Amino acid sequence: MSHSKNKVWIHGVFSTKYRNPLITKDVKQTIYEGLHLQLKKTGCYLETIGGIEDHVHLLFLLNRNKTLAQVFQQIKGASSYDFNHGELCIDSFYWQKGYGAFSVSESKIPSIIRYIQNQEEHHKNVGYDVEWRFLLEKHGLPFDNDETFE
């Protein structure tokens, strides 16, 4: 085979440091645009983004020349740098150290899009801790009792 082809959908999830509610209504669009810009810089295509005050969900196509670690380092590091230098918030803006990255089957894309776009409604009934444990369990990953949101 002379050409390399791939199509890897990623559902990414990460929170603000200490889960501080920094993604307020007045800055939410700016934050989402900043994350979108950084994904473009990595060569990844963003399908949708959503979240609430303390975390975001992204659905994107992974660039075949980038690792997940490179993509998340770029989008989190560069966006928080831009947000802090643009005086986006009264306090400093930081993302947590880690992230969740889950592969998504092509057939599940429509349901993941709905899930991400309905985060505000979803979190009226379910806290982030419960959601995070559910995602880990659904994907066969262990929850570490010492996990923090630093």
Protein backbone atom coordinates (compact mmCIF):
# COMPACT_ATOMS: atom_id res chain seq x y z
CA MET A 1 0.00 0.00 0.00
CA SER A 2 1.62 3.22 -1.08
CA HIS A 3 -0.59 5.67 0.81
CA SER A 4 -1.38 5.95 4.49
CA LYS A 5 -4.99 6.64 5.38
CA ASN A 6 -6.71 6.97 8.70
CA LYS A 7 -9.84 8.36 10.27
CA VAL A 8 -9.63 8.33 14.04
CA TRP A 9 -12.36 10.16 15.92
CA ILE A 10 -11.45 11.28 19.44
CA HIS A 11 -13.81 12.34 22.22
CA GLY A 12 -11.60 14.51 24.42
CA VAL A 13 -12.51 15.67 27.93
CA PHE A 14 -10.61 17.89 30.33
CA SER A 15 -11.41 20.30 33.12
CA THR A 16 -10.16 23.56 34.47
CA LYS A 17 -7.54 23.33 37.20
CA TYR A 18 -9.19 22.32 40.49
CA ARG A 19 -12.45 22.35 38.48
CA ASN A 20 -12.75 26.08 39.02
CA PRO A 21 -15.84 27.45 37.19
CA LEU A 22 -13.83 29.64 34.80
CA ILE A 23 -15.82 28.96 31.61
CA THR A 24 -18.55 31.50 32.29
CA LYS A 25 -21.17 32.55 29.75
CA ASP A 26 -19.32 35.78 28.95
CA VAL A 27 -16.06 33.98 28.01
CA LYS A 28 -17.34 30.61 26.84
CA GLN A 29 -17.36 31.47 23.13
CA THR A 30 -13.85 32.92 23.32
CA ILE A 31 -12.59 29.77 25.04
CA TYR A 32 -14.23 27.51 22.47
CA GLU A 33 -12.82 29.59 19.61
CA GLY A 34 -9.36 29.45 21.21
CA LEU A 35 -9.51 25.66 21.52
CA HIS A 36 -10.75 25.40 17.93
CA LEU A 37 -7.85 27.56 16.73
CA GLN A 38 -5.32 25.38 18.55
CA LEU A 39 -6.83 22.20 17.10
CA LYS A 40 -6.50 23.72 13.63
CA LYS A 41 -2.83 24.40 14.35
CA THR A 42 -2.33 20.71 15.06
CA GLY A 43 -4.04 19.79 11.80
CA CYS A 44 -7.00 18.22 13.56
CA TYR A 45 -10.58 18.79 12.46
CA LEU A 46 -13.03 19.83 15.20
CA GLU A 47 -16.54 18.44 14.74
CA THR A 48 -18.09 19.87 17.92
CA ILE A 49 -17.29 21.32 21.32
CA GLY A 50 -19.36 21.71 24.47
CA GLY A 51 -19.19 21.72 28.21
CA ILE A 52 -20.03 23.65 31.32
CA GLU A 53 -18.21 26.03 33.65
CA ASP A 54 -15.50 23.60 34.74
CA HIS A 55 -14.84 21.28 31.79
CA VAL A 56 -15.04 20.81 28.04
CA HIS A 57 -15.74 17.98 25.63
CA LEU A 58 -14.32 17.92 22.10
CA LEU A 59 -15.01 15.61 19.19
CA PHE A 60 -12.25 15.80 16.62
CA LEU A 61 -10.43 13.87 13.94
CA LEU A 62 -6.86 13.10 14.94
CA ASN A 63 -4.15 14.25 12.54
CA ARG A 64 -2.26 11.10 11.51
CA ASN A 65 1.05 12.87 12.09
CA LYS A 66 0.31 13.84 15.70
CA THR A 67 0.07 11.88 18.92
CA LEU A 68 -2.75 12.47 21.37
CA ALA A 69 -0.22 13.85 23.85
CA GLN A 70 1.01 16.40 21.27
CA VAL A 71 -2.53 17.50 20.43
CA PHE A 72 -3.62 17.94 24.04
CA GLN A 73 -0.39 19.70 24.98
CA GLN A 74 -0.93 22.17 22.14
CA ILE A 75 -4.62 22.86 22.70
CA LYS A 76 -4.40 23.13 26.48
CA GLY A 77 -1.02 24.85 26.80
CA ALA A 78 -1.39 27.39 24.01
CA SER A 79 -5.01 28.21 24.80
CA SER A 80 -4.35 28.88 28.50
CA TYR A 81 -1.34 31.02 27.51
CA ASP A 82 -3.52 33.02 25.12
CA PHE A 83 -6.35 33.33 27.66
CA ASN A 84 -3.99 34.61 30.37
CA HIS A 85 -2.28 37.10 28.07
CA GLY A 86 -5.64 38.30 26.75
CA GLU A 87 -6.87 38.87 30.31
CA LEU A 88 -9.84 36.61 29.68
CA CYS A 89 -10.60 36.06 33.36
CA ILE A 90 -10.08 37.99 36.57
CA ASP A 91 -8.06 35.05 37.92
CA SER A 92 -5.40 33.12 36.04
CA PHE A 93 -6.73 30.51 33.64
CA TYR A 94 -5.33 26.98 33.82
CA TRP A 95 -6.45 23.59 32.59
CA GLN A 96 -6.01 20.45 34.70
CA LYS A 97 -2.85 18.41 34.08
CA GLY A 98 -4.54 15.38 32.53
CA TYR A 99 -7.23 14.62 30.00
CA GLY A 100 -9.49 11.86 28.79
CA ALA A 101 -9.26 10.71 25.17
CA PHE A 102 -11.64 8.07 23.92
CA SER A 103 -11.86 6.60 20.44
CA VAL A 104 -15.27 6.84 18.80
CA SER A 105 -16.71 4.51 16.19
CA GLU A 106 -18.02 6.19 13.03
CA SER A 107 -21.51 4.83 13.77
CA LYS A 108 -21.54 6.55 17.19
CA ILE A 109 -20.63 10.04 15.91
CA PRO A 110 -24.23 11.42 15.86
CA SER A 111 -24.91 10.31 19.45
CA ILE A 112 -21.57 11.72 20.70
CA ILE A 113 -22.32 15.04 18.97
CA ARG A 114 -25.69 15.21 20.75
CA TYR A 115 -24.06 14.27 24.05
CA ILE A 116 -21.44 17.00 23.75
CA GLN A 117 -23.88 19.66 22.58
CA ASN A 118 -26.27 18.89 25.45
CA GLN A 119 -23.76 19.17 28.28
CA GLU A 120 -25.59 21.96 30.11
CA GLU A 121 -28.80 19.93 30.24
CA HIS A 122 -26.90 16.74 31.10
CA HIS A 123 -25.17 18.37 34.06
CA LYS A 124 -28.40 19.54 35.63
CA ASN A 125 -28.72 15.95 36.85
CA VAL A 126 -25.19 14.50 36.74
CA GLY A 127 -22.03 15.87 38.33
CA TYR A 128 -18.66 15.84 36.58
CA ASP A 129 -17.29 13.22 39.00
CA VAL A 130 -20.08 10.83 38.06
CA GLU A 131 -19.68 11.59 34.36
CA TRP A 132 -15.91 11.05 34.52
CA ARG A 133 -16.29 7.68 36.28
CA PHE A 134 -18.94 6.66 33.74
CA LEU A 135 -16.65 7.49 30.80
CA LEU A 136 -13.77 5.57 32.32
CA GLU A 137 -15.96 2.57 33.09
CA LYS A 138 -17.55 2.62 29.63
CA HIS A 139 -14.10 2.46 28.05
CA GLY A 140 -12.69 -0.15 30.43
CA LEU A 141 -10.32 2.22 32.19
CA PRO A 142 -9.66 2.21 35.94
CA PHE A 143 -10.57 5.11 38.20
CA ASP A 144 -7.72 5.97 40.54
CA ASN A 145 -8.97 7.03 43.96
CA ASP A 146 -6.13 9.55 44.13
CA GLU A 147 -7.17 11.28 40.87
CA THR A 148 -7.26 15.02 41.25
CA PHE A 149 -8.22 17.81 38.93
CA GLU A 150 -5.03 19.85 39.31
